[in-house]
Amino acid sequence: YLDKCRSFVFKWLNRRSQKRSFNWDKFVLF
């Protein structure tokens, strides 16, 4: 469940604007 939620965080925070907020390396730091 927590792993799925983590992937949702990556998906939805990347959809805040036209430009992606994260690549995977930045997301790991986040």
Full PDB file with SEQRES, HELIX, SHEET, SSBOND, CRYST1, ORIGX, SCALE, CONECT and MASTER records, all heavy atoms in Angstrom:
SEQRES   1 A   30  TYR LEU ASP LYS CYS ARG SER PHE VAL PHE LYS TRP LEU          
SEQRES   2 A   30  ASN ARG ARG SER GLN LYS ARG SER PHE ASN TRP ASP LYS          
SEQRES   3 A   30  PHE VAL LEU PHE                                              
HELIX    1 AA1 LEU A    2  LEU A   13  1                                  12    
HELIX    2 AA2 TRP A   24  LEU A   29  1                                   6    
CRYST1    1.000    1.000    1.000  90.00  90.00  90.00 P 1           1          
ORIGX1      1.000000  0.000000  0.000000        0.00000                         
ORIGX2      0.000000  1.000000  0.000000        0.00000                         
ORIGX3      0.000000  0.000000  1.000000        0.00000                         
SCALE1      1.000000  0.000000  0.000000        0.00000                         
SCALE2      0.000000  1.000000  0.000000        0.00000                         
SCALE3      0.000000  0.000000  1.000000        0.00000                         
ATOM      1  N   TYR A   1       0.835  -1.204   0.000  1.00  0.00           N  
ATOM      2  CA  TYR A   1       0.000   0.000   0.000  1.00  0.00           C  
ATOM      3  C   TYR A   1       0.873   1.260   0.000  1.00  0.00           C  
ATOM      4  O   TYR A   1       0.659   2.183  -0.791  1.00  0.00           O  
ATOM      5  CB  TYR A   1      -0.925  -0.010   1.223  1.00  0.00           C  
ATOM      6  CG  TYR A   1      -1.791   1.212   1.318  1.00  0.00           C  
ATOM      7  CD1 TYR A   1      -2.956   1.331   0.567  1.00  0.00           C  
ATOM      8  CD2 TYR A   1      -1.443   2.266   2.155  1.00  0.00           C  
ATOM      9  CE1 TYR A   1      -3.749   2.465   0.647  1.00  0.00           C  
ATOM     10  CE2 TYR A   1      -2.229   3.399   2.239  1.00  0.00           C  
ATOM     11  CZ  TYR A   1      -3.378   3.492   1.482  1.00  0.00           C  
ATOM     12  OH  TYR A   1      -4.155   4.613   1.551  1.00  0.00           O  
ATOM     13  N   LEU A   2       1.866   1.305   0.872  1.00  0.00           N  
ATOM     14  CA  LEU A   2       2.742   2.474   0.961  1.00  0.00           C  
ATOM     15  C   LEU A   2       3.552   2.663  -0.317  1.00  0.00           C  
ATOM     16  O   LEU A   2       3.763   3.804  -0.756  1.00  0.00           O  
ATOM     17  CB  LEU A   2       3.659   2.356   2.183  1.00  0.00           C  
ATOM     18  CG  LEU A   2       2.952   2.409   3.537  1.00  0.00           C  
ATOM     19  CD1 LEU A   2       3.923   2.070   4.664  1.00  0.00           C  
ATOM     20  CD2 LEU A   2       2.300   3.755   3.770  1.00  0.00           C  
ATOM     21  N   ASP A   3       3.989   1.581  -0.941  1.00  0.00           N  
ATOM     22  CA  ASP A   3       4.716   1.679  -2.219  1.00  0.00           C  
ATOM     23  C   ASP A   3       3.829   2.271  -3.312  1.00  0.00           C  
ATOM     24  O   ASP A   3       4.267   3.113  -4.093  1.00  0.00           O  
ATOM     25  CB  ASP A   3       5.239   0.314  -2.661  1.00  0.00           C  
ATOM     26  CG  ASP A   3       6.423  -0.162  -1.835  1.00  0.00           C  
ATOM     27  OD1 ASP A   3       7.032   0.670  -1.124  1.00  0.00           O  
ATOM     28  OD2 ASP A   3       6.738  -1.364  -1.887  1.00  0.00           O  
ATOM     29  N   LYS A   4       2.576   1.826  -3.364  1.00  0.00           N  
ATOM     30  CA  LYS A   4       1.636   2.379  -4.355  1.00  0.00           C  
ATOM     31  C   LYS A   4       1.409   3.866  -4.096  1.00  0.00           C  
ATOM     32  O   LYS A   4       1.376   4.665  -5.024  1.00  0.00           O  
ATOM     33  CB  LYS A   4       0.306   1.641  -4.311  1.00  0.00           C  
ATOM     34  CG  LYS A   4       0.397   0.193  -4.696  1.00  0.00           C  
ATOM     35  CD  LYS A   4      -0.023  -0.001  -6.106  1.00  0.00           C  
ATOM     36  CE  LYS A   4      -0.136  -1.491  -6.389  1.00  0.00           C  
ATOM     37  NZ  LYS A   4       0.155  -1.807  -7.750  1.00  0.00           N  
ATOM     38  N   CYS A   5       1.254   4.224  -2.836  1.00  0.00           N  
ATOM     39  CA  CYS A   5       1.047   5.635  -2.492  1.00  0.00           C  
ATOM     40  C   CYS A   5       2.264   6.469  -2.874  1.00  0.00           C  
ATOM     41  O   CYS A   5       2.128   7.595  -3.351  1.00  0.00           O  
ATOM     42  CB  CYS A   5       0.729   5.790  -1.012  1.00  0.00           C  
ATOM     43  SG  CYS A   5      -0.920   5.168  -0.595  1.00  0.00           S  
ATOM     44  N   ARG A   6       3.454   5.923  -2.682  1.00  0.00           N  
ATOM     45  CA  ARG A   6       4.691   6.619  -3.066  1.00  0.00           C  
ATOM     46  C   ARG A   6       4.694   6.887  -4.574  1.00  0.00           C  
ATOM     47  O   ARG A   6       5.046   7.983  -5.020  1.00  0.00           O  
ATOM     48  CB  ARG A   6       5.904   5.783  -2.665  1.00  0.00           C  
ATOM     49  CG  ARG A   6       7.231   6.486  -2.848  1.00  0.00           C  
ATOM     50  CD  ARG A   6       8.396   5.672  -2.282  1.00  0.00           C  
ATOM     51  NE  ARG A   6       8.320   5.598  -0.830  1.00  0.00           N  
ATOM     52  CZ  ARG A   6       7.982   4.511  -0.123  1.00  0.00           C  
ATOM     53  NH1 ARG A   6       7.705   3.379  -0.721  1.00  0.00           N  
ATOM     54  NH2 ARG A   6       7.931   4.543   1.186  1.00  0.00           N  
ATOM     55  N   SER A   7       4.254   5.902  -5.350  1.00  0.00           N  
ATOM     56  CA  SER A   7       4.209   6.112  -6.806  1.00  0.00           C  
ATOM     57  C   SER A   7       3.143   7.146  -7.173  1.00  0.00           C  
ATOM     58  O   SER A   7       3.321   7.905  -8.129  1.00  0.00           O  
ATOM     59  CB  SER A   7       3.979   4.790  -7.544  1.00  0.00           C  
ATOM     60  OG  SER A   7       2.693   4.286  -7.295  1.00  0.00           O  
ATOM     61  N   PHE A   8       2.055   7.227  -6.407  1.00  0.00           N  
ATOM     62  CA  PHE A   8       1.042   8.264  -6.640  1.00  0.00           C  
ATOM     63  C   PHE A   8       1.618   9.647  -6.344  1.00  0.00           C  
ATOM     64  O   PHE A   8       1.318  10.612  -7.041  1.00  0.00           O  
ATOM     65  CB  PHE A   8      -0.198   8.046  -5.772  1.00  0.00           C  
ATOM     66  CG  PHE A   8      -1.009   6.826  -6.104  1.00  0.00           C  
ATOM     67  CD1 PHE A   8      -1.818   6.248  -5.146  1.00  0.00           C  
ATOM     68  CD2 PHE A   8      -0.981   6.249  -7.364  1.00  0.00           C  
ATOM     69  CE1 PHE A   8      -2.584   5.135  -5.429  1.00  0.00           C  
ATOM     70  CE2 PHE A   8      -1.739   5.133  -7.662  1.00  0.00           C  
ATOM     71  CZ  PHE A   8      -2.548   4.572  -6.688  1.00  0.00           C  
ATOM     72  N   VAL A   9       2.442   9.759  -5.294  1.00  0.00           N  
ATOM     73  CA  VAL A   9       3.075  11.041  -4.966  1.00  0.00           C  
ATOM     74  C   VAL A   9       3.924  11.491  -6.149  1.00  0.00           C  
ATOM     75  O   VAL A   9       3.841  12.645  -6.588  1.00  0.00           O  
ATOM     76  CB  VAL A   9       3.939  10.941  -3.680  1.00  0.00           C  
ATOM     77  CG1 VAL A   9       4.769  12.202  -3.478  1.00  0.00           C  
ATOM     78  CG2 VAL A   9       3.070  10.677  -2.466  1.00  0.00           C  
ATOM     79  N   PHE A  10       4.730  10.585  -6.672  1.00  0.00           N  
ATOM     80  CA  PHE A  10       5.578  10.899  -7.834  1.00  0.00           C  
ATOM     81  C   PHE A  10       4.720  11.364  -9.002  1.00  0.00           C  
ATOM     82  O   PHE A  10       5.000  12.386  -9.636  1.00  0.00           O  
ATOM     83  CB  PHE A  10       6.398   9.668  -8.222  1.00  0.00           C  
ATOM     84  CG  PHE A  10       7.312   9.882  -9.395  1.00  0.00           C  
ATOM     85  CD1 PHE A  10       8.473  10.633  -9.254  1.00  0.00           C  
ATOM     86  CD2 PHE A  10       7.023   9.346 -10.626  1.00  0.00           C  
ATOM     87  CE1 PHE A  10       9.329  10.836 -10.323  1.00  0.00           C  
ATOM     88  CE2 PHE A  10       7.866   9.539 -11.712  1.00  0.00           C  
ATOM     89  CZ  PHE A  10       9.022  10.283 -11.547  1.00  0.00           C  
ATOM     90  N   LYS A  11       3.640  10.652  -9.258  1.00  0.00           N  
ATOM     91  CA  LYS A  11       2.766  10.980 -10.398  1.00  0.00           C  
ATOM     92  C   LYS A  11       2.088  12.336 -10.215  1.00  0.00           C  
ATOM     93  O   LYS A  11       2.149  13.190 -11.099  1.00  0.00           O  
ATOM     94  CB  LYS A  11       1.705   9.891 -10.543  1.00  0.00           C  
ATOM     95  CG  LYS A  11       0.673  10.189 -11.608  1.00  0.00           C  
ATOM     96  CD  LYS A  11      -0.385   9.107 -11.675  1.00  0.00           C  
ATOM     97  CE  LYS A  11      -1.447   9.439 -12.698  1.00  0.00           C  
ATOM     98  NZ  LYS A  11      -2.450   8.373 -12.808  1.00  0.00           N  
ATOM     99  N   TRP A  12       1.435  12.550  -9.068  1.00  0.00           N  
ATOM    100  CA  TRP A  12       0.607  13.744  -8.923  1.00  0.00           C  
ATOM    101  C   TRP A  12       1.411  14.999  -8.641  1.00  0.00           C  
ATOM    102  O   TRP A  12       1.017  16.089  -9.061  1.00  0.00           O  
ATOM    103  CB  TRP A  12      -0.493  13.522  -7.895  1.00  0.00           C  
ATOM    104  CG  TRP A  12      -1.494  12.552  -8.440  1.00  0.00           C  
ATOM    105  CD1 TRP A  12      -1.720  11.280  -8.023  1.00  0.00           C  
ATOM    106  CD2 TRP A  12      -2.340  12.762  -9.577  1.00  0.00           C  
ATOM    107  NE1 TRP A  12      -2.666  10.676  -8.824  1.00  0.00           N  
ATOM    108  CE2 TRP A  12      -3.065  11.569  -9.791  1.00  0.00           C  
ATOM    109  CE3 TRP A  12      -2.553  13.825 -10.448  1.00  0.00           C  
ATOM    110  CZ2 TRP A  12      -3.982  11.415 -10.817  1.00  0.00           C  
ATOM    111  CZ3 TRP A  12      -3.479  13.679 -11.477  1.00  0.00           C  
ATOM    112  CH2 TRP A  12      -4.172  12.494 -11.649  1.00  0.00           C  
ATOM    113  N   LEU A  13       2.543  14.894  -7.967  1.00  0.00           N  
ATOM    114  CA  LEU A  13       3.358  16.098  -7.790  1.00  0.00           C  
ATOM    115  C   LEU A  13       4.049  16.483  -9.090  1.00  0.00           C  
ATOM    116  O   LEU A  13       4.368  17.647  -9.301  1.00  0.00           O  
ATOM    117  CB  LEU A  13       4.374  15.915  -6.659  1.00  0.00           C  
ATOM    118  CG  LEU A  13       3.782  15.842  -5.250  1.00  0.00           C  
ATOM    119  CD1 LEU A  13       4.887  15.787  -4.203  1.00  0.00           C  
ATOM    120  CD2 LEU A  13       2.833  16.993  -4.961  1.00  0.00           C  
ATOM    121  N   ASN A  14       4.237  15.527  -9.977  1.00  0.00           N  
ATOM    122  CA  ASN A  14       4.786  15.833 -11.299  1.00  0.00           C  
ATOM    123  C   ASN A  14       3.749  16.476 -12.209  1.00  0.00           C  
ATOM    124  O   ASN A  14       4.089  16.990 -13.271  1.00  0.00           O  
ATOM    125  CB  ASN A  14       5.339  14.573 -11.974  1.00  0.00           C  
ATOM    126  CG  ASN A  14       6.823  14.444 -11.781  1.00  0.00           C  
ATOM    127  OD1 ASN A  14       7.523  15.436 -11.692  1.00  0.00           O  
ATOM    128  ND2 ASN A  14       7.302  13.225 -11.709  1.00  0.00           N  
ATOM    129  N   ARG A  15       2.492  16.422 -11.829  1.00  0.00           N  
ATOM    130  CA  ARG A  15       1.435  16.991 -12.663  1.00  0.00           C  
ATOM    131  C   ARG A  15       0.947  18.333 -12.139  1.00  0.00           C  
ATOM    132  O   ARG A  15      -0.159  18.743 -12.445  1.00  0.00           O  
ATOM    133  CB  ARG A  15       0.272  16.008 -12.757  1.00  0.00           C  
ATOM    134  CG  ARG A  15       0.674  14.776 -13.518  1.00  0.00           C  
ATOM    135  CD  ARG A  15      -0.493  13.946 -13.861  1.00  0.00           C  
ATOM    136  NE  ARG A  15      -0.054  12.810 -14.662  1.00  0.00           N  
ATOM    137  CZ  ARG A  15      -0.865  11.942 -15.186  1.00  0.00           C  
ATOM    138  NH1 ARG A  15      -2.161  12.065 -15.027  1.00  0.00           N  
ATOM    139  NH2 ARG A  15      -0.406  10.944 -15.892  1.00  0.00           N  
ATOM    140  N   ARG A  16       1.765  18.981 -11.392  1.00  0.00           N  
ATOM    141  CA  ARG A  16       1.387  20.302 -10.882  1.00  0.00           C  
ATOM    142  C   ARG A  16       1.408  21.354 -11.976  1.00  0.00           C  
ATOM    143  O   ARG A  16       0.719  22.353 -11.889  1.00  0.00           O  
ATOM    144  CB  ARG A  16       2.330  20.732  -9.767  1.00  0.00           C  
ATOM    145  CG  ARG A  16       2.115  19.986  -8.488  1.00  0.00           C  
ATOM    146  CD  ARG A  16       3.098  20.448  -7.451  1.00  0.00           C  
ATOM    147  NE  ARG A  16       2.568  20.160  -6.135  1.00  0.00           N  
ATOM    148  CZ  ARG A  16       3.098  20.583  -5.023  1.00  0.00           C  
ATOM    149  NH1 ARG A  16       4.164  21.343  -5.052  1.00  0.00           N  
ATOM    150  NH2 ARG A  16       2.568  20.274  -3.862  1.00  0.00           N  
ATOM    151  N   SER A  17       2.232  21.152 -12.952  1.00  0.00           N  
ATOM    152  CA  SER A  17       2.331  22.125 -14.039  1.00  0.00           C  
ATOM    153  C   SER A  17       2.662  21.383 -15.322  1.00  0.00           C  
ATOM    154  O   SER A  17       2.779  20.157 -15.341  1.00  0.00           O  
ATOM    155  CB  SER A  17       3.415  23.157 -13.721  1.00  0.00           C  
ATOM    156  OG  SER A  17       4.680  22.512 -13.696  1.00  0.00           O  
ATOM    157  N   GLN A  18       2.852  22.130 -16.406  1.00  0.00           N  
ATOM    158  CA  GLN A  18       3.205  21.527 -17.698  1.00  0.00           C  
ATOM    159  C   GLN A  18       4.574  20.853 -17.626  1.00  0.00           C  
ATOM    160  O   GLN A  18       4.830  19.867 -18.289  1.00  0.00           O  
ATOM    161  CB  GLN A  18       3.234  22.610 -18.797  1.00  0.00           C  
ATOM    162  CG  GLN A  18       1.923  23.324 -18.990  1.00  0.00           C  
ATOM    163  CD  GLN A  18       0.930  22.476 -19.760  1.00  0.00           C  
ATOM    164  OE1 GLN A  18       1.257  21.431 -20.288  1.00  0.00           O  
ATOM    165  NE2 GLN A  18      -0.309  22.949 -19.807  1.00  0.00           N  
ATOM    166  N   LYS A  19       5.453  21.434 -16.805  1.00  0.00           N  
ATOM    167  CA  LYS A  19       6.815  20.919 -16.689  1.00  0.00           C  
ATOM    168  C   LYS A  19       6.891  19.941 -15.526  1.00  0.00           C  
ATOM    169  O   LYS A  19       6.385  20.207 -14.440  1.00  0.00           O  
ATOM    170  CB  LYS A  19       7.756  22.095 -16.450  1.00  0.00           C  
ATOM    171  CG  LYS A  19       9.209  21.730 -16.431  1.00  0.00           C  
ATOM    172  CD  LYS A  19      10.033  22.966 -16.163  1.00  0.00           C  
ATOM    173  CE  LYS A  19      11.489  22.553 -15.979  1.00  0.00           C  
ATOM    174  NZ  LYS A  19      12.264  23.607 -15.357  1.00  0.00           N  
ATOM    175  N   ARG A  20       7.532  18.808 -15.730  1.00  0.00           N  
ATOM    176  CA  ARG A  20       7.667  17.819 -14.658  1.00  0.00           C  
ATOM    177  C   ARG A  20       8.519  18.374 -13.530  1.00  0.00           C  
ATOM    178  O   ARG A  20       9.560  18.965 -13.748  1.00  0.00           O  
ATOM    179  CB  ARG A  20       8.320  16.545 -15.192  1.00  0.00           C  
ATOM    180  CG  ARG A  20       7.423  15.785 -16.138  1.00  0.00           C  
ATOM    181  CD  ARG A  20       8.069  14.524 -16.593  1.00  0.00           C  
ATOM    182  NE  ARG A  20       8.171  13.600 -15.454  1.00  0.00           N  
ATOM    183  CZ  ARG A  20       8.685  12.400 -15.530  1.00  0.00           C  
ATOM    184  NH1 ARG A  20       9.167  11.956 -16.666  1.00  0.00           N  
ATOM    185  NH2 ARG A  20       8.739  11.623 -14.478  1.00  0.00           N  
ATOM    186  N   SER A  21       8.062  18.158 -12.299  1.00  0.00           N  
ATOM    187  CA  SER A  21       8.775  18.639 -11.118  1.00  0.00           C  
ATOM    188  C   SER A  21       9.975  17.756 -10.778  1.00  0.00           C  
ATOM    189  O   SER A  21      10.969  18.231 -10.250  1.00  0.00           O  
ATOM    190  CB  SER A  21       7.838  18.653  -9.915  1.00  0.00           C  
ATOM    191  OG  SER A  21       6.692  19.398 -10.196  1.00  0.00           O  
ATOM    192  N   PHE A  22       9.850  16.455 -11.055  1.00  0.00           N  
ATOM    193  CA  PHE A  22      10.866  15.491 -10.616  1.00  0.00           C  
ATOM    194  C   PHE A  22      11.305  14.577 -11.743  1.00  0.00           C  
ATOM    195  O   PHE A  22      10.497  14.192 -12.588  1.00  0.00           O  
ATOM    196  CB  PHE A  22      10.295  14.533  -9.549  1.00  0.00           C  
ATOM    197  CG  PHE A  22       9.806  15.155  -8.310  1.00  0.00           C  
ATOM    198  CD1 PHE A  22       8.468  15.108  -7.975  1.00  0.00           C  
ATOM    199  CD2 PHE A  22      10.676  15.775  -7.436  1.00  0.00           C  
ATOM    200  CE1 PHE A  22       7.998  15.662  -6.806  1.00  0.00           C  
ATOM    201  CE2 PHE A  22      10.221  16.326  -6.258  1.00  0.00           C  
ATOM    202  CZ  PHE A  22       8.881  16.278  -5.945  1.00  0.00           C  
ATOM    203  N   ASN A  23      12.554  14.181 -11.688  1.00  0.00           N  
ATOM    204  CA  ASN A  23      12.962  12.920 -12.302  1.00  0.00           C  
ATOM    205  C   ASN A  23      13.116  11.973 -11.123  1.00  0.00           C  
ATOM    206  O   ASN A  23      12.934  12.369  -9.966  1.00  0.00           O  
ATOM    207  CB  ASN A  23      14.246  13.075 -13.141  1.00  0.00           C  
ATOM    208  CG  ASN A  23      15.435  13.521 -12.302  1.00  0.00           C  
ATOM    209  OD1 ASN A  23      15.515  13.256 -11.101  1.00  0.00           O  
ATOM    210  ND2 ASN A  23      16.355  14.223 -12.926  1.00  0.00           N  
ATOM    211  N   TRP A  24      13.455  10.716 -11.357  1.00  0.00           N  
ATOM    212  CA  TRP A  24      13.474   9.758 -10.251  1.00  0.00           C  
ATOM    213  C   TRP A  24      14.532  10.102  -9.208  1.00  0.00           C  
ATOM    214  O   TRP A  24      14.297   9.981  -8.005  1.00  0.00           O  
ATOM    215  CB  TRP A  24      13.648   8.328 -10.779  1.00  0.00           C  
ATOM    216  CG  TRP A  24      13.378   7.337  -9.681  1.00  0.00           C  
ATOM    217  CD1 TRP A  24      14.277   6.588  -9.006  1.00  0.00           C  
ATOM    218  CD2 TRP A  24      12.104   7.048  -9.090  1.00  0.00           C  
ATOM    219  NE1 TRP A  24      13.655   5.835  -8.036  1.00  0.00           N  
ATOM    220  CE2 TRP A  24      12.319   6.098  -8.062  1.00  0.00           C  
ATOM    221  CE3 TRP A  24      10.806   7.492  -9.319  1.00  0.00           C  
ATOM    222  CZ2 TRP A  24      11.298   5.584  -7.279  1.00  0.00           C  
ATOM    223  CZ3 TRP A  24       9.784   6.976  -8.533  1.00  0.00           C  
ATOM    224  CH2 TRP A  24      10.038   6.030  -7.536  1.00  0.00           C  
ATOM    225  N   ASP A  25      15.717  10.574  -9.649  1.00  0.00           N  
ATOM    226  CA  ASP A  25      16.777  10.914  -8.689  1.00  0.00           C  
ATOM    227  C   ASP A  25      16.342  12.053  -7.764  1.00  0.00           C  
ATOM    228  O   ASP A  25      16.584  12.010  -6.557  1.00  0.00           O  
ATOM    229  CB  ASP A  25      18.066  11.311  -9.427  1.00  0.00           C  
ATOM    230  CG  ASP A  25      18.680  10.123 -10.165  1.00  0.00           C  
ATOM    231  OD1 ASP A  25      18.475   8.982  -9.705  1.00  0.00           O  
ATOM    232  OD2 ASP A  25      19.356  10.343 -11.192  1.00  0.00           O  
ATOM    233  N   LYS A  26      15.699  13.080  -8.327  1.00  0.00           N  
ATOM    234  CA  LYS A  26      15.206  14.188  -7.495  1.00  0.00           C  
ATOM    235  C   LYS A  26      14.104  13.710  -6.555  1.00  0.00           C  
ATOM    236  O   LYS A  26      13.997  14.167  -5.421  1.00  0.00           O  
ATOM    237  CB  LYS A  26      14.670  15.319  -8.379  1.00  0.00           C  
ATOM    238  CG  LYS A  26      15.744  16.140  -9.032  1.00  0.00           C  
ATOM    239  CD  LYS A  26      15.115  17.276  -9.805  1.00  0.00           C  
ATOM    240  CE  LYS A  26      16.164  18.103 -10.510  1.00  0.00           C  
ATOM    241  NZ  LYS A  26      15.560  19.169 -11.332  1.00  0.00           N  
ATOM    242  N   PHE A  27      13.292  12.778  -7.036  1.00  0.00           N  
ATOM    243  CA  PHE A  27      12.212  12.262  -6.197  1.00  0.00           C  
ATOM    244  C   PHE A  27      12.764  11.484  -5.000  1.00  0.00           C  
ATOM    245  O   PHE A  27      12.240  11.598  -3.893  1.00  0.00           O  
ATOM    246  CB  PHE A  27      11.267  11.377  -7.019  1.00  0.00           C  
ATOM    247  CG  PHE A  27      10.095  10.874  -6.242  1.00  0.00           C  
ATOM    248  CD1 PHE A  27       9.115  11.753  -5.796  1.00  0.00           C  
ATOM    249  CD2 PHE A  27       9.963   9.530  -5.925  1.00  0.00           C  
ATOM    250  CE1 PHE A  27       8.028  11.302  -5.060  1.00  0.00           C  
ATOM    251  CE2 PHE A  27       8.883   9.072  -5.190  1.00  0.00           C  
ATOM    252  CZ  PHE A  27       7.914   9.966  -4.757  1.00  0.00           C  
ATOM    253  N   VAL A  28      13.825  10.730  -5.202  1.00  0.00           N  
ATOM    254  CA  VAL A  28      14.462   9.997  -4.096  1.00  0.00           C  
ATOM    255  C   VAL A  28      14.950  10.984  -3.036  1.00  0.00           C  
ATOM    256  O   VAL A  28      14.759  10.769  -1.830  1.00  0.00           O  
ATOM    257  CB  VAL A  28      15.606   9.092  -4.614  1.00  0.00           C  
ATOM    258  CG1 VAL A  28      16.438   8.531  -3.474  1.00  0.00           C  
ATOM    259  CG2 VAL A  28      15.044   7.964  -5.469  1.00  0.00           C  
ATOM    260  N   LEU A  29      15.554  12.083  -3.463  1.00  0.00           N  
ATOM    261  CA  LEU A  29      15.997  13.115  -2.519  1.00  0.00           C  
ATOM    262  C   LEU A  29      14.797  13.761  -1.811  1.00  0.00           C  
ATOM    263  O   LEU A  29      14.839  14.022  -0.610  1.00  0.00           O  
ATOM    264  CB  LEU A  29      16.812  14.191  -3.245  1.00  0.00           C  
ATOM    265  CG  LEU A  29      18.181  13.759  -3.759  1.00  0.00           C  
ATOM    266  CD1 LEU A  29      18.812  14.869  -4.601  1.00  0.00           C  
ATOM    267  CD2 LEU A  29      19.105  13.377  -2.606  1.00  0.00           C  
ATOM    268  N   PHE A  30      13.729  13.994  -2.569  1.00  0.00           N  
ATOM    269  CA  PHE A  30      12.506  14.565  -2.004  1.00  0.00           C  
ATOM    270  C   PHE A  30      11.946  13.648  -0.915  1.00  0.00           C  
ATOM    271  O   PHE A  30      11.532  14.116   0.148  1.00  0.00           O  
ATOM    272  CB  PHE A  30      11.476  14.758  -3.128  1.00  0.00           C  
ATOM    273  CG  PHE A  30      10.143  15.240  -2.662  1.00  0.00           C  
ATOM    274  CD1 PHE A  30       9.923  16.586  -2.403  1.00  0.00           C  
ATOM    275  CD2 PHE A  30       9.094  14.353  -2.490  1.00  0.00           C  
ATOM    276  CE1 PHE A  30       8.688  17.036  -1.969  1.00  0.00           C  
ATOM    277  CE2 PHE A  30       7.850  14.793  -2.057  1.00  0.00           C  
ATOM    278  CZ  PHE A  30       7.647  16.141  -1.796  1.00  0.00           C  
TER     279      PHE A  30                                                      
MASTER        0    0    0    2    0    0    0    6  278    1    0    3          
END                                                                             
